[in-house]
Protein backbone atom coordinates (compact mmCIF):
# COMPACT_ATOMS: atom_id res chain seq x y z
CA UNK A 1 82.87 -96.47 48.16
CA UNK A 2 80.39 -98.37 50.30
CA UNK A 3 76.64 -98.10 49.97
CA UNK A 4 74.36 -98.69 52.93
CA UNK A 5 70.99 -99.98 51.79
CA UNK A 6 69.38 -99.39 55.18
CA UNK A 7 70.14 -95.78 55.40
CA UNK A 8 70.34 -95.24 51.65
CA UNK A 9 73.67 -93.59 52.12
CA UNK A 10 76.89 -93.64 50.18
CA UNK A 11 80.17 -93.77 52.05
CA UNK A 12 83.36 -92.69 50.39
CA UNK A 13 86.59 -94.06 51.91
CA UNK A 14 89.87 -92.31 51.15
CA UNK A 15 93.11 -94.25 51.86
CA UNK A 16 96.65 -92.96 52.18
CA UNK A 17 98.65 -94.91 49.60
CA UNK A 18 101.87 -94.27 51.46
CA UNK A 19 100.99 -95.98 54.69
CA UNK A 20 97.33 -96.90 54.43
CA UNK A 21 96.99 -95.79 58.03
CA UNK A 22 94.83 -92.83 57.69
CA UNK A 23 91.48 -93.56 56.29
CA UNK A 24 88.96 -90.85 55.73
CA UNK A 25 85.32 -91.51 55.10
CA UNK A 26 82.61 -89.29 53.63
CA UNK A 27 78.97 -90.26 53.81
CA UNK A 28 76.31 -88.89 51.42
CA UNK A 29 72.66 -89.50 51.19
CA UNK A 30 71.80 -91.05 47.89
CA UNK A 31 69.10 -88.51 47.23
CA UNK A 32 71.46 -85.63 47.94
CA UNK A 33 74.09 -87.07 45.62
CA UNK A 34 71.54 -87.58 42.85
CA UNK A 35 70.32 -84.04 43.26
CA UNK A 36 73.88 -82.71 43.08
CA UNK A 37 74.67 -84.71 39.97
CA UNK A 38 71.47 -83.56 38.25
CA UNK A 39 72.23 -79.97 39.23
CA UNK A 40 75.71 -80.21 37.79
CA UNK A 41 74.34 -81.68 34.58
CA UNK A 42 71.78 -78.86 34.33
CA UNK A 43 74.38 -76.18 35.03
CA UNK A 44 76.73 -77.73 32.50
CA UNK A 45 73.96 -77.92 29.90
CA UNK A 46 72.89 -74.33 30.52
CA UNK A 47 76.50 -73.23 30.31
CA UNK A 48 76.99 -74.99 26.97
CA UNK A 49 73.74 -73.54 25.59
CA UNK A 50 74.63 -70.06 26.85
CA UNK A 51 78.06 -70.21 25.28
CA UNK A 52 76.47 -71.33 22.01
CA UNK A 53 73.94 -68.46 22.11
CA UNK A 54 76.66 -65.93 22.97
CA UNK A 55 78.77 -67.21 20.10
CA UNK A 56 75.82 -66.93 17.73
CA UNK A 57 74.94 -63.44 18.98
CA UNK A 58 78.55 -62.35 18.58
CA UNK A 59 78.63 -63.72 15.06
CA UNK A 60 75.34 -62.02 14.18
CA UNK A 61 76.54 -58.74 15.69
CA UNK A 62 79.74 -58.95 13.69
CA UNK A 63 77.72 -59.60 10.53
CA UNK A 64 75.36 -56.73 11.31
CA UNK A 65 78.31 -54.38 11.77
CA UNK A 66 79.63 -55.57 8.43
CA UNK A 67 76.22 -54.91 6.80
CA UNK A 68 76.10 -51.50 8.45
CA UNK A 69 79.50 -50.61 7.06
CA UNK A 70 78.49 -51.83 3.60
CA UNK A 71 75.22 -49.86 3.79
CA UNK A 72 77.12 -46.70 4.73
CA UNK A 73 79.42 -47.15 1.74
CA UNK A 74 76.44 -47.89 -0.49
CA UNK A 75 74.66 -44.79 0.81
CA UNK A 76 77.70 -42.65 0.04
CA UNK A 77 78.00 -44.06 -3.48
CA UNK A 78 74.30 -43.62 -4.18
CA UNK A 79 74.51 -40.04 -2.89
CA UNK A 80 77.38 -39.36 -5.27
CA UNK A 81 75.45 -40.77 -8.20
CA UNK A 82 72.35 -38.83 -7.16
CA UNK A 83 74.44 -35.65 -7.35
CA UNK A 84 75.60 -36.62 -10.82
CA UNK A 85 72.00 -37.22 -11.87
CA UNK A 86 71.02 -33.80 -10.47
CA UNK A 87 73.85 -32.21 -12.43
CA UNK A 88 72.64 -33.91 -15.57
CA UNK A 89 69.07 -32.76 -14.88
CA UNK A 90 70.35 -29.19 -14.43
CA UNK A 91 72.16 -29.42 -17.76
CA UNK A 92 68.98 -30.74 -19.37
CA UNK A 93 67.04 -27.75 -18.01
CA UNK A 94 69.75 -25.46 -19.40
CA UNK A 95 69.51 -27.23 -22.74
CA UNK A 96 65.74 -26.69 -22.75
CA UNK A 97 66.34 -22.98 -22.22
CA UNK A 98 68.87 -22.97 -25.06
CA UNK A 99 66.36 -24.80 -27.22
CA UNK A 100 63.73 -22.13 -26.50
CA UNK A 101 66.20 -19.43 -27.50
CA UNK A 102 66.94 -21.30 -30.71
CA UNK A 103 63.22 -21.61 -31.43
CA UNK A 104 62.71 -17.92 -30.79
CA UNK A 105 65.63 -16.94 -33.00
CA UNK A 106 64.68 -19.36 -35.75
CA UNK A 107 60.99 -18.35 -35.47
CA UNK A 108 59.47 -21.75 -36.19
CA UNK A 109 55.87 -21.51 -37.25
CA UNK A 110 54.49 -24.81 -36.04
CA UNK A 111 54.68 -25.18 -32.26
CA UNK A 112 54.15 -28.93 -32.50
CA UNK A 113 57.34 -29.43 -34.51
CA UNK A 114 59.57 -27.37 -32.27
CA UNK A 115 60.66 -30.09 -29.87
CA UNK A 116 64.11 -31.48 -30.38
CA UNK A 117 64.37 -35.23 -30.83
CA UNK A 118 64.89 -37.05 -27.56
CA UNK A 119 65.86 -40.63 -26.76
CA UNK A 120 68.49 -42.75 -25.14
CA UNK A 121 68.65 -44.57 -21.84
CA UNK A 122 66.72 -43.28 -18.84
CA UNK A 123 68.01 -43.71 -15.27
CA UNK A 124 66.07 -44.48 -12.11
CA UNK A 125 68.74 -45.32 -9.53
CA UNK A 126 66.49 -46.84 -6.88
CA UNK A 127 64.51 -48.92 -9.35
CA UNK A 128 67.58 -50.09 -11.22
CA UNK A 129 69.44 -50.95 -8.02
CA UNK A 130 66.51 -52.91 -6.55
CA UNK A 131 66.37 -54.89 -9.77
CA UNK A 132 69.95 -56.01 -9.34
CA UNK A 133 69.45 -58.33 -6.40
CA UNK A 134 70.87 -61.20 -8.41
CA UNK A 135 73.61 -59.10 -9.98
CA UNK A 136 76.92 -58.12 -8.55
CA UNK A 137 76.97 -54.71 -6.96
CA UNK A 138 80.16 -53.74 -8.75
CA UNK A 139 78.56 -54.62 -12.09
CA UNK A 140 75.58 -52.36 -11.34
CA UNK A 141 77.73 -49.38 -10.39
CA UNK A 142 80.01 -49.88 -13.37
CA UNK A 143 77.02 -49.85 -15.73
CA UNK A 144 75.54 -46.83 -13.97
CA UNK A 145 78.82 -44.94 -14.07
CA UNK A 146 79.29 -45.67 -17.77
CA UNK A 147 75.73 -44.53 -18.51
CA UNK A 148 76.15 -41.28 -16.58
CA UNK A 149 79.48 -40.61 -18.29
CA UNK A 150 77.94 -41.24 -21.69
CA UNK A 151 74.98 -38.95 -20.95
CA UNK A 152 77.26 -36.19 -19.68
CA UNK A 153 79.38 -36.40 -22.83
CA UNK A 154 76.35 -36.26 -25.12
CA UNK A 155 74.86 -33.35 -23.18
CA UNK A 156 78.15 -31.47 -23.39
CA UNK A 157 78.27 -31.98 -27.15
CA UNK A 158 74.65 -30.87 -27.61
CA UNK A 159 75.19 -27.88 -25.32
CA UNK A 160 78.20 -26.72 -27.33
CA UNK A 161 76.34 -27.28 -30.59
CA UNK A 162 73.29 -25.31 -29.41
CA UNK A 163 75.45 -22.50 -28.06
CA UNK A 164 77.23 -22.17 -31.39
CA UNK A 165 73.88 -22.24 -33.19
CA UNK A 166 72.48 -19.56 -30.88
CA UNK A 167 75.50 -17.33 -31.45
CA UNK A 168 75.11 -17.76 -35.21
CA UNK A 169 71.35 -17.12 -35.17
CA UNK A 170 71.77 -14.13 -32.86
CA UNK A 171 74.35 -12.66 -35.19
CA UNK A 172 72.04 -13.31 -38.14
CA UNK A 173 69.14 -11.73 -36.26
CA UNK A 174 71.17 -8.63 -35.41
CA UNK A 175 72.43 -8.42 -38.98
CA UNK A 176 68.86 -8.69 -40.27
CA UNK A 177 67.67 -5.97 -37.91
CA UNK A 178 70.65 -3.84 -38.91
CA UNK A 179 70.16 -4.30 -42.64
CA UNK A 180 68.11 -1.52 -44.31
CA UNK A 181 65.05 -3.26 -45.72
CA UNK A 182 62.02 -0.93 -45.71
CA UNK A 183 61.00 2.26 -47.51
CA UNK A 184 61.97 5.37 -45.55
CA UNK A 185 58.79 7.10 -46.75
CA UNK A 186 55.72 6.28 -48.81
CA UNK A 187 55.90 7.94 -52.19
CA UNK A 188 57.30 7.45 -55.68
CA UNK A 189 60.82 7.44 -57.05
CA UNK A 190 61.55 10.74 -58.78
CA UNK A 191 65.26 10.01 -59.39
CA UNK A 192 67.08 6.65 -59.40
CA UNK A 193 70.53 5.59 -58.22
CA UNK A 194 73.38 6.15 -60.71
CA UNK A 195 74.31 8.66 -63.40
CA UNK A 196 71.82 11.42 -64.25
CA UNK A 197 71.66 14.96 -65.63
CA UNK A 198 71.86 17.38 -62.70
CA UNK A 199 68.74 19.58 -62.40
CA UNK A 200 70.99 22.31 -61.03
CA UNK A 201 74.02 22.30 -63.38
CA UNK A 202 72.74 20.36 -66.41
CA UNK A 203 75.86 18.21 -66.33
CA UNK A 204 76.05 14.41 -66.10
CA UNK A 205 76.67 13.47 -62.48
CA UNK A 206 76.52 10.40 -60.29
CA UNK A 207 73.48 10.27 -57.99
CA UNK A 208 74.51 8.33 -54.85
CA UNK A 209 70.99 7.53 -53.67
CA UNK A 210 67.35 7.57 -54.71
CA UNK A 211 64.89 10.45 -54.46
CA UNK A 212 61.46 9.53 -53.12
CA UNK A 213 58.88 12.23 -53.71
CA UNK A 214 56.26 12.50 -50.97
CA UNK A 215 53.92 15.02 -49.42
CA UNK A 216 55.48 17.72 -47.31
CA UNK A 217 55.62 16.79 -43.58
CA UNK A 218 55.13 13.04 -44.15
CA UNK A 219 56.99 10.87 -41.60
CA UNK A 220 60.46 9.62 -42.49
CA UNK A 221 61.34 6.29 -40.88
CA UNK A 222 64.62 4.54 -40.05
CA UNK A 223 65.05 1.60 -42.40
CA UNK A 224 66.93 -0.48 -39.78
CA UNK A 225 67.95 -0.31 -36.14
CA UNK A 226 71.04 1.70 -35.34
CA UNK A 227 72.56 4.78 -33.73
CA UNK A 228 72.16 8.34 -35.02
CA UNK A 229 75.62 9.70 -35.87
CA UNK A 230 74.51 12.94 -37.55
CA UNK A 231 71.39 15.07 -37.08
CA UNK A 232 71.48 18.60 -38.44
CA UNK A 233 72.04 20.81 -41.46
CA UNK A 234 74.63 19.93 -44.11
CA UNK A 235 75.32 21.83 -47.33
CA UNK A 236 73.63 20.20 -50.32
CA UNK A 237 71.75 17.73 -48.11
CA UNK A 238 69.79 20.29 -46.14
CA UNK A 239 68.47 18.89 -42.87
CA UNK A 240 70.12 15.49 -42.71
CA UNK A 241 69.89 12.39 -40.51
CA UNK A 242 72.66 9.76 -40.74
CA UNK A 243 72.34 6.39 -38.96
CA UNK A 244 75.05 3.80 -38.34
CA UNK A 245 73.48 0.33 -38.29
CA UNK A 246 76.64 -1.66 -37.66
CA UNK A 247 77.94 -4.50 -39.85
CA UNK A 248 79.22 -1.79 -42.21
CA UNK A 249 75.76 -0.34 -43.01
CA UNK A 250 75.08 3.42 -42.91
CA UNK A 251 71.98 5.25 -44.21
CA UNK A 252 71.31 8.93 -44.96
CA UNK A 253 67.98 10.77 -45.08
CA UNK A 254 68.25 14.27 -46.61
CA UNK A 255 66.18 17.37 -47.45
CA UNK A 256 63.96 17.02 -44.38
CA UNK A 257 61.77 19.83 -43.09
CA UNK A 258 62.33 18.77 -39.48
CA UNK A 259 64.76 16.44 -37.68
CA UNK A 260 63.23 14.50 -34.76
CA UNK A 261 66.29 12.65 -33.38
CA UNK A 262 69.62 13.54 -31.76
CA UNK A 263 73.17 12.30 -32.21
CA UNK A 264 73.78 9.21 -30.09
CA UNK A 265 70.11 8.25 -30.00
CA UNK A 266 69.28 4.59 -30.62
CA UNK A 267 66.50 3.92 -33.11
CA UNK A 268 64.64 0.81 -34.17
CA UNK A 269 63.51 -0.16 -37.64
CA UNK A 270 60.40 1.86 -38.47
CA UNK A 271 60.98 4.65 -35.91
CA UNK A 272 60.07 8.12 -37.18
CA UNK A 273 63.26 10.18 -37.38
CA UNK A 274 62.24 13.24 -39.46
CA UNK A 275 59.58 14.96 -41.58
CA UNK A 276 59.63 15.23 -45.38
CA UNK A 277 60.80 18.61 -46.63
CA UNK A 278 62.72 20.38 -49.37
CA UNK A 279 65.73 21.80 -47.53
CA UNK A 280 69.15 22.08 -49.20
CA UNK A 281 69.51 21.55 -52.98
CA UNK A 282 65.97 20.41 -53.72
CA UNK A 283 63.30 21.14 -56.30
CA UNK A 284 60.40 19.92 -54.15
CA UNK A 285 59.44 17.85 -51.11
CA UNK A 286 61.15 14.50 -51.19
CA UNK A 287 63.63 12.30 -49.30
CA UNK A 288 67.08 11.73 -50.72
CA UNK A 289 67.87 8.23 -49.37
CA UNK A 290 71.35 6.69 -49.41
CA UNK A 291 72.72 3.31 -48.34
CA UNK A 292 76.45 2.95 -47.79
CA UNK A 293 78.20 -0.41 -47.28
CA UNK A 294 81.66 -0.01 -45.75
CA UNK A 295 81.61 3.60 -46.92
CA UNK A 296 80.66 2.82 -50.53
CA UNK A 297 77.25 4.05 -51.85
CA UNK A 298 75.08 1.21 -53.22
CA UNK A 299 71.65 1.12 -54.82
CA UNK A 300 69.08 1.30 -51.98
CA UNK A 301 66.54 -0.59 -54.11
CA UNK A 302 68.67 -3.74 -53.73
CA UNK A 303 67.93 -3.73 -49.97
CA UNK A 304 64.26 -2.79 -49.90
CA UNK A 305 62.15 -5.83 -49.05
CA UNK A 306 58.48 -5.41 -49.90
CA UNK A 307 57.59 -8.21 -47.44
CA UNK A 308 59.32 -6.28 -44.65
CA UNK A 309 57.35 -3.17 -45.57
CA UNK A 310 54.09 -5.10 -45.23
CA UNK A 311 54.85 -6.21 -41.65
């Protein structure tokens, strides 16, 4: 390479090593060569920077795709747990309804003492998850899953317990409503339950009920809820009403002047079913009242509850 100071040119000589006969020369202006070199350096630098940026962008894109995939999985898991929480909330609402039924059946007097005891761990998924930035995700979900499982188990136990209690209280309530407990008529006892001297034959006989003397036409009431199984005239009893209350209880109301119910009719405790009379074997207006338990006559006075009569 030969440089000409006068013309500020660079001459490049190319020799043939085989024979050194052919010599080629290339002349360049120094300024042009400098410009070319600078341009190459710039292009090379830009290329290196561009490749670095592309590599970084590719890495960031790959990381973003990874985050996106993780977020999708996290969203699915949170949705599943949200469903579980909703199920638990639904069960809690159901338990509140059961609790109200229990309160109604048990008839608590003080409204302020009716609430069942509550406690335990509360769950706020978003709050709890945001507070786990320094915890492992798997640890958070394991804790959450264990908590939900524990809550579901406890709710199931309480639900079963309340259901059993409701069934028991409902049965007790029905039994109470079906148990004869009030006076069938206002009056006075003219003949008690048990052995007595018959006013008709003068012989000692067993009286299977009580006679309650009352004014003629006074209302006769059902002493418990039930279904009328007999309503009409029967020898000895006169105009008779017989009610089946279930649970083995049956009551009879005899010597009425008028029967106001029909066979198959449902009656509630206190409903008027007849009018006091003196039909059949009777010496005056009264109600012959019987209580049978599983077909066996028992003393009606053992069932009459004065508190129930005052209600």
